[in-house]
Amino acid sequence: MKRGRFNQDDAQGEVKPSRSAKKRDALALQKLGEKLIHLSAAARKQIDLPEEIIQALELLDKITDHEGRRRQKQYIGRLMRDVDSEPIQREIDKIRHIHSKEINAFQEAEEWRRKFLESEENEIEHILEEFYSAQSNDLSANPSMEELRETAIRARKQMRGSGNKTGSINYPRKLFRMISQIMNNQG
């Protein structure tokens, strides 16, 4: 018997993977199953999965016992051996890419809001110009610069305790929503 990565099948002359290669493949499929486990139920629905895997994932969500979860994860890994993993991996990558873009947009909007809230009132005009110049979209569908300026001023006052505390409007939140709206309308 030859040693190495591949063993030769004597009867048919075909090359088949070694035991180590099979283990690596099984481990890769189990890791793919782990990625599926960590997706939300809504994200999983976007992926075309066999019914048996969907049921196994739903059951895993209900299991609380550590050992039971471990065994269910192994079972999901076993089920993954019977499916083509490439389309599933592509869909997971696509979902993660979209999710990371959403997180980045949220963080950028939060950073702009922080700049508005931490600035002095005389600096708001400069920050507004900087913000609007950074947006590459048609600004006609967005709140006007004056609306954003007024909301930023009210949000600053509210955050510093000198604004309307009893009013029903949360200006820092409104400021964040306005910034997000402008950024989301980008081309």
C-alpha atoms as a PDB file:
ATOM      1  CA  MET A   1       0.000   0.000   0.000  1.00  0.00           C
ATOM      2  CA  LYS A   2       1.335   3.454  -0.942  1.00  0.00           C
ATOM      3  CA  ARG A   3       1.644   6.171   1.639  1.00  0.00           C
ATOM      4  CA  GLY A   4       0.823   9.768   0.930  1.00  0.00           C
ATOM      5  CA  ARG A   5      -2.109  12.056   0.457  1.00  0.00           C
ATOM      6  CA  PHE A   6      -3.959   9.827  -2.005  1.00  0.00           C
ATOM      7  CA  ASN A   7      -4.324   6.082  -2.087  1.00  0.00           C
ATOM      8  CA  GLN A   8      -4.745   4.151  -5.295  1.00  0.00           C
ATOM      9  CA  ASP A   9      -7.803   1.935  -5.600  1.00  0.00           C
ATOM     10  CA  ASP A  10      -6.378  -1.315  -7.003  1.00  0.00           C
ATOM     11  CA  ALA A  11      -9.593  -2.641  -8.517  1.00  0.00           C
ATOM     12  CA  GLN A  12     -10.544   0.327 -10.702  1.00  0.00           C
ATOM     13  CA  GLY A  13      -7.335   2.322 -10.904  1.00  0.00           C
ATOM     14  CA  GLU A  14      -9.071   5.441  -9.521  1.00  0.00           C
ATOM     15  CA  VAL A  15      -7.420   7.837  -7.133  1.00  0.00           C
ATOM     16  CA  LYS A  16      -9.409   8.304  -3.939  1.00  0.00           C
ATOM     17  CA  PRO A  17      -8.752  10.666  -1.052  1.00  0.00           C
ATOM     18  CA  SER A  18      -6.801   9.473   1.951  1.00  0.00           C
ATOM     19  CA  ARG A  19      -8.332   9.123   5.372  1.00  0.00           C
ATOM     20  CA  SER A  20      -6.731  12.404   6.455  1.00  0.00           C
ATOM     21  CA  ALA A  21      -8.183  14.207   3.431  1.00  0.00           C
ATOM     22  CA  LYS A  22     -11.622  12.812   4.272  1.00  0.00           C
ATOM     23  CA  LYS A  23     -11.255  14.052   7.843  1.00  0.00           C
ATOM     24  CA  ARG A  24     -10.236  17.524   6.639  1.00  0.00           C
ATOM     25  CA  ASP A  25     -13.267  17.632   4.350  1.00  0.00           C
ATOM     26  CA  ALA A  26     -15.580  16.467   7.152  1.00  0.00           C
ATOM     27  CA  LEU A  27     -14.137  19.110   9.484  1.00  0.00           C
ATOM     28  CA  ALA A  28     -14.640  21.816   6.836  1.00  0.00           C
ATOM     29  CA  LEU A  29     -18.275  20.757   6.428  1.00  0.00           C
ATOM     30  CA  GLN A  30     -18.764  20.766  10.186  1.00  0.00           C
ATOM     31  CA  LYS A  31     -17.374  24.331  10.313  1.00  0.00           C
ATOM     32  CA  LEU A  32     -19.804  25.303   7.558  1.00  0.00           C
ATOM     33  CA  GLY A  33     -22.567  23.830   9.700  1.00  0.00           C
ATOM     34  CA  GLU A  34     -21.297  25.975  12.601  1.00  0.00           C
ATOM     35  CA  LYS A  35     -21.605  29.052  10.407  1.00  0.00           C
ATOM     36  CA  LEU A  36     -25.205  28.098   9.663  1.00  0.00           C
ATOM     37  CA  ILE A  37     -25.868  27.675  13.374  1.00  0.00           C
ATOM     38  CA  HIS A  38     -24.696  31.205  14.125  1.00  0.00           C
ATOM     39  CA  LEU A  39     -26.954  32.782  11.487  1.00  0.00           C
ATOM     40  CA  SER A  40     -30.328  34.114  12.514  1.00  0.00           C
ATOM     41  CA  ALA A  41     -33.424  32.169  11.509  1.00  0.00           C
ATOM     42  CA  ALA A  42     -34.297  34.911   9.004  1.00  0.00           C
ATOM     43  CA  ALA A  43     -30.841  34.710   7.415  1.00  0.00           C
ATOM     44  CA  ARG A  44     -31.048  30.910   7.215  1.00  0.00           C
ATOM     45  CA  LYS A  45     -34.303  31.190   5.255  1.00  0.00           C
ATOM     46  CA  GLN A  46     -32.399  33.025   2.514  1.00  0.00           C
ATOM     47  CA  ILE A  47     -30.271  29.920   1.926  1.00  0.00           C
ATOM     48  CA  ASP A  48     -31.578  26.974  -0.046  1.00  0.00           C
ATOM     49  CA  LEU A  49     -31.078  24.157   2.472  1.00  0.00           C
ATOM     50  CA  PRO A  50     -32.456  20.621   2.485  1.00  0.00           C
ATOM     51  CA  GLU A  51     -35.465  20.169   4.782  1.00  0.00           C
ATOM     52  CA  GLU A  52     -33.572  17.749   7.010  1.00  0.00           C
ATOM     53  CA  ILE A  53     -30.880  20.357   7.771  1.00  0.00           C
ATOM     54  CA  ILE A  54     -33.507  23.056   8.389  1.00  0.00           C
ATOM     55  CA  GLN A  55     -35.256  20.796  10.903  1.00  0.00           C
ATOM     56  CA  ALA A  56     -31.943  19.925  12.591  1.00  0.00           C
ATOM     57  CA  LEU A  57     -31.075  23.635  12.916  1.00  0.00           C
ATOM     58  CA  GLU A  58     -34.529  24.440  14.324  1.00  0.00           C
ATOM     59  CA  LEU A  59     -34.175  21.610  16.842  1.00  0.00           C
ATOM     60  CA  LEU A  60     -30.724  22.871  17.850  1.00  0.00           C
ATOM     61  CA  ASP A  61     -32.234  26.291  18.614  1.00  0.00           C
ATOM     62  CA  LYS A  62     -34.552  24.582  21.126  1.00  0.00           C
ATOM     63  CA  ILE A  63     -31.919  22.431  22.861  1.00  0.00           C
ATOM     64  CA  THR A  64     -30.438  23.962  26.007  1.00  0.00           C
ATOM     65  CA  ASP A  65     -28.377  21.064  27.362  1.00  0.00           C
ATOM     66  CA  HIS A  66     -24.674  21.429  26.516  1.00  0.00           C
ATOM     67  CA  GLU A  67     -24.120  17.778  25.605  1.00  0.00           C
ATOM     68  CA  GLY A  68     -27.325  17.686  23.589  1.00  0.00           C
ATOM     69  CA  ARG A  69     -26.271  20.778  21.625  1.00  0.00           C
ATOM     70  CA  ARG A  70     -22.837  19.255  20.981  1.00  0.00           C
ATOM     71  CA  ARG A  71     -24.366  16.068  19.602  1.00  0.00           C
ATOM     72  CA  GLN A  72     -26.879  17.997  17.500  1.00  0.00           C
ATOM     73  CA  LYS A  73     -24.023  20.066  16.019  1.00  0.00           C
ATOM     74  CA  GLN A  74     -22.217  16.868  15.098  1.00  0.00           C
ATOM     75  CA  TYR A  75     -25.402  15.593  13.494  1.00  0.00           C
ATOM     76  CA  ILE A  76     -25.689  18.794  11.449  1.00  0.00           C
ATOM     77  CA  GLY A  77     -22.071  18.316  10.390  1.00  0.00           C
ATOM     78  CA  ARG A  78     -22.933  14.772   9.324  1.00  0.00           C
ATOM     79  CA  LEU A  79     -25.920  16.023   7.294  1.00  0.00           C
ATOM     80  CA  MET A  80     -23.679  18.580   5.612  1.00  0.00           C
ATOM     81  CA  ARG A  81     -21.684  15.745   4.020  1.00  0.00           C
ATOM     82  CA  ASP A  82     -24.666  14.908   1.814  1.00  0.00           C
ATOM     83  CA  VAL A  83     -25.076  18.394   0.307  1.00  0.00           C
ATOM     84  CA  ASP A  84     -23.104  20.530  -2.102  1.00  0.00           C
ATOM     85  CA  SER A  85     -21.387  22.990   0.194  1.00  0.00           C
ATOM     86  CA  GLU A  86     -20.278  25.555  -2.401  1.00  0.00           C
ATOM     87  CA  PRO A  87     -23.683  27.280  -2.925  1.00  0.00           C
ATOM     88  CA  ILE A  88     -24.283  27.320   0.831  1.00  0.00           C
ATOM     89  CA  GLN A  89     -20.867  28.875   1.460  1.00  0.00           C
ATOM     90  CA  ARG A  90     -21.499  31.530  -1.223  1.00  0.00           C
ATOM     91  CA  GLU A  91     -24.845  32.451   0.354  1.00  0.00           C
ATOM     92  CA  ILE A  92     -23.325  32.663   3.843  1.00  0.00           C
ATOM     93  CA  ASP A  93     -20.541  34.885   2.496  1.00  0.00           C
ATOM     94  CA  LYS A  94     -23.110  37.103   0.765  1.00  0.00           C
ATOM     95  CA  ILE A  95     -25.176  37.422   3.969  1.00  0.00           C
ATOM     96  CA  ARG A  96     -22.082  38.232   6.024  1.00  0.00           C
ATOM     97  CA  HIS A  97     -20.953  40.816   3.466  1.00  0.00           C
ATOM     98  CA  ILE A  98     -24.350  42.556   3.570  1.00  0.00           C
ATOM     99  CA  HIS A  99     -24.346  42.419   7.354  1.00  0.00           C
ATOM    100  CA  SER A 100     -20.865  43.930   7.599  1.00  0.00           C
ATOM    101  CA  LYS A 101     -21.885  46.736   5.212  1.00  0.00           C
ATOM    102  CA  GLU A 102     -24.898  47.487   7.421  1.00  0.00           C
ATOM    103  CA  ILE A 103     -22.706  47.549  10.527  1.00  0.00           C
ATOM    104  CA  ASN A 104     -20.220  49.884   8.836  1.00  0.00           C
ATOM    105  CA  ALA A 105     -23.018  52.248   7.755  1.00  0.00           C
ATOM    106  CA  PHE A 106     -24.452  52.248  11.286  1.00  0.00           C
ATOM    107  CA  GLN A 107     -21.043  53.010  12.782  1.00  0.00           C
ATOM    108  CA  GLU A 108     -20.433  55.797  10.291  1.00  0.00           C
ATOM    109  CA  ALA A 109     -23.819  57.375  11.074  1.00  0.00           C
ATOM    110  CA  GLU A 110     -23.085  57.076  14.796  1.00  0.00           C
ATOM    111  CA  GLU A 111     -19.702  58.770  14.251  1.00  0.00           C
ATOM    112  CA  TRP A 112     -21.363  61.705  12.434  1.00  0.00           C
ATOM    113  CA  ARG A 113     -23.932  62.010  15.228  1.00  0.00           C
ATOM    114  CA  ARG A 114     -21.126  62.024  17.800  1.00  0.00           C
ATOM    115  CA  LYS A 115     -19.384  64.832  15.881  1.00  0.00           C
ATOM    116  CA  PHE A 116     -22.580  66.887  15.884  1.00  0.00           C
ATOM    117  CA  LEU A 117     -23.282  66.295  19.578  1.00  0.00           C
ATOM    118  CA  GLU A 118     -19.735  66.957  20.790  1.00  0.00           C
ATOM    119  CA  SER A 119     -19.170  70.064  18.687  1.00  0.00           C
ATOM    120  CA  GLU A 120     -19.680  73.621  19.823  1.00  0.00           C
ATOM    121  CA  GLU A 121     -22.610  75.461  18.308  1.00  0.00           C
ATOM    122  CA  ASN A 122     -20.342  77.581  16.103  1.00  0.00           C
ATOM    123  CA  GLU A 123     -18.714  74.399  14.663  1.00  0.00           C
ATOM    124  CA  ILE A 124     -21.995  72.834  13.514  1.00  0.00           C
ATOM    125  CA  GLU A 125     -21.990  74.741  10.226  1.00  0.00           C
ATOM    126  CA  HIS A 126     -18.549  73.366   9.357  1.00  0.00           C
ATOM    127  CA  ILE A 127     -19.581  69.806  10.281  1.00  0.00           C
ATOM    128  CA  LEU A 128     -22.766  70.151   8.192  1.00  0.00           C
ATOM    129  CA  GLU A 129     -20.758  71.206   5.155  1.00  0.00           C
ATOM    130  CA  GLU A 130     -18.295  68.372   5.719  1.00  0.00           C
ATOM    131  CA  PHE A 131     -21.128  65.867   6.112  1.00  0.00           C
ATOM    132  CA  TYR A 132     -23.048  66.976   3.022  1.00  0.00           C
ATOM    133  CA  SER A 133     -19.902  67.102   0.896  1.00  0.00           C
ATOM    134  CA  ALA A 134     -19.129  63.493   1.895  1.00  0.00           C
ATOM    135  CA  GLN A 135     -22.492  62.349   0.535  1.00  0.00           C
ATOM    136  CA  SER A 136     -22.394  61.449  -3.141  1.00  0.00           C
ATOM    137  CA  ASN A 137     -26.135  61.280  -3.663  1.00  0.00           C
ATOM    138  CA  ASP A 138     -28.896  63.565  -4.795  1.00  0.00           C
ATOM    139  CA  LEU A 139     -29.624  65.533  -1.655  1.00  0.00           C
ATOM    140  CA  SER A 140     -33.004  66.835  -2.858  1.00  0.00           C
ATOM    141  CA  ALA A 141     -34.846  63.813  -1.380  1.00  0.00           C
ATOM    142  CA  ASN A 142     -33.155  64.259   2.002  1.00  0.00           C
ATOM    143  CA  PRO A 143     -33.818  66.557   4.938  1.00  0.00           C
ATOM    144  CA  SER A 144     -32.523  70.038   4.258  1.00  0.00           C
ATOM    145  CA  MET A 145     -29.313  71.303   5.740  1.00  0.00           C
ATOM    146  CA  GLU A 146     -31.377  73.704   7.853  1.00  0.00           C
ATOM    147  CA  GLU A 147     -33.502  70.855   9.281  1.00  0.00           C
ATOM    148  CA  LEU A 148     -30.367  68.887  10.129  1.00  0.00           C
ATOM    149  CA  ARG A 149     -28.739  71.971  11.714  1.00  0.00           C
ATOM    150  CA  GLU A 150     -31.818  72.661  13.866  1.00  0.00           C
ATOM    151  CA  THR A 151     -32.063  69.021  14.961  1.00  0.00           C
ATOM    152  CA  ALA A 152     -28.336  68.926  15.778  1.00  0.00           C
ATOM    153  CA  ILE A 153     -28.644  72.052  17.926  1.00  0.00           C
ATOM    154  CA  ARG A 154     -31.669  70.667  19.779  1.00  0.00           C
ATOM    155  CA  ALA A 155     -29.956  67.294  20.239  1.00  0.00           C
ATOM    156  CA  ARG A 156     -26.877  69.002  21.708  1.00  0.00           C
ATOM    157  CA  LYS A 157     -29.052  70.969  24.120  1.00  0.00           C
ATOM    158  CA  GLN A 158     -30.999  67.870  25.095  1.00  0.00           C
ATOM    159  CA  MET A 159     -27.821  65.855  25.691  1.00  0.00           C
ATOM    160  CA  ARG A 160     -26.302  68.646  27.800  1.00  0.00           C
ATOM    161  CA  GLY A 161     -29.426  68.895  29.928  1.00  0.00           C
ATOM    162  CA  SER A 162     -30.530  72.356  28.821  1.00  0.00           C
ATOM    163  CA  GLY A 163     -33.070  71.195  26.258  1.00  0.00           C
ATOM    164  CA  ASN A 164     -36.660  70.078  26.502  1.00  0.00           C
ATOM    165  CA  LYS A 165     -36.552  66.995  28.766  1.00  0.00           C
ATOM    166  CA  THR A 166     -40.292  66.533  29.056  1.00  0.00           C
ATOM    167  CA  GLY A 167     -41.000  66.734  25.325  1.00  0.00           C
ATOM    168  CA  SER A 168     -41.906  63.655  23.399  1.00  0.00           C
ATOM    169  CA  ILE A 169     -39.138  64.099  20.819  1.00  0.00           C
ATOM    170  CA  ASN A 170     -35.799  62.425  21.432  1.00  0.00           C
ATOM    171  CA  TYR A 171     -33.589  64.751  19.376  1.00  0.00           C
ATOM    172  CA  PRO A 172     -30.353  62.719  19.557  1.00  0.00           C
ATOM    173  CA  ARG A 173     -32.284  59.744  18.119  1.00  0.00           C
ATOM    174  CA  LYS A 174     -33.950  61.971  15.531  1.00  0.00           C
ATOM    175  CA  LEU A 175     -30.528  63.309  14.529  1.00  0.00           C
ATOM    176  CA  PHE A 176     -29.230  59.763  14.080  1.00  0.00           C
ATOM    177  CA  ARG A 177     -32.251  58.838  11.933  1.00  0.00           C
ATOM    178  CA  MET A 178     -31.812  61.904   9.741  1.00  0.00           C
ATOM    179  CA  ILE A 179     -28.116  61.146   9.240  1.00  0.00           C
ATOM    180  CA  SER A 180     -28.933  57.504   8.438  1.00  0.00           C
ATOM    181  CA  GLN A 181     -31.640  58.566   5.973  1.00  0.00           C
ATOM    182  CA  ILE A 182     -29.231  60.820   4.115  1.00  0.00           C
ATOM    183  CA  MET A 183     -26.529  58.150   4.046  1.00  0.00           C
ATOM    184  CA  ASN A 184     -28.954  55.383   2.954  1.00  0.00           C
ATOM    185  CA  ASN A 185     -30.193  57.454   0.023  1.00  0.00           C
ATOM    186  CA  GLN A 186     -26.705  57.378  -1.465  1.00  0.00           C
ATOM    187  CA  GLY A 187     -26.603  56.208  -5.056  1.00  0.00           C
END
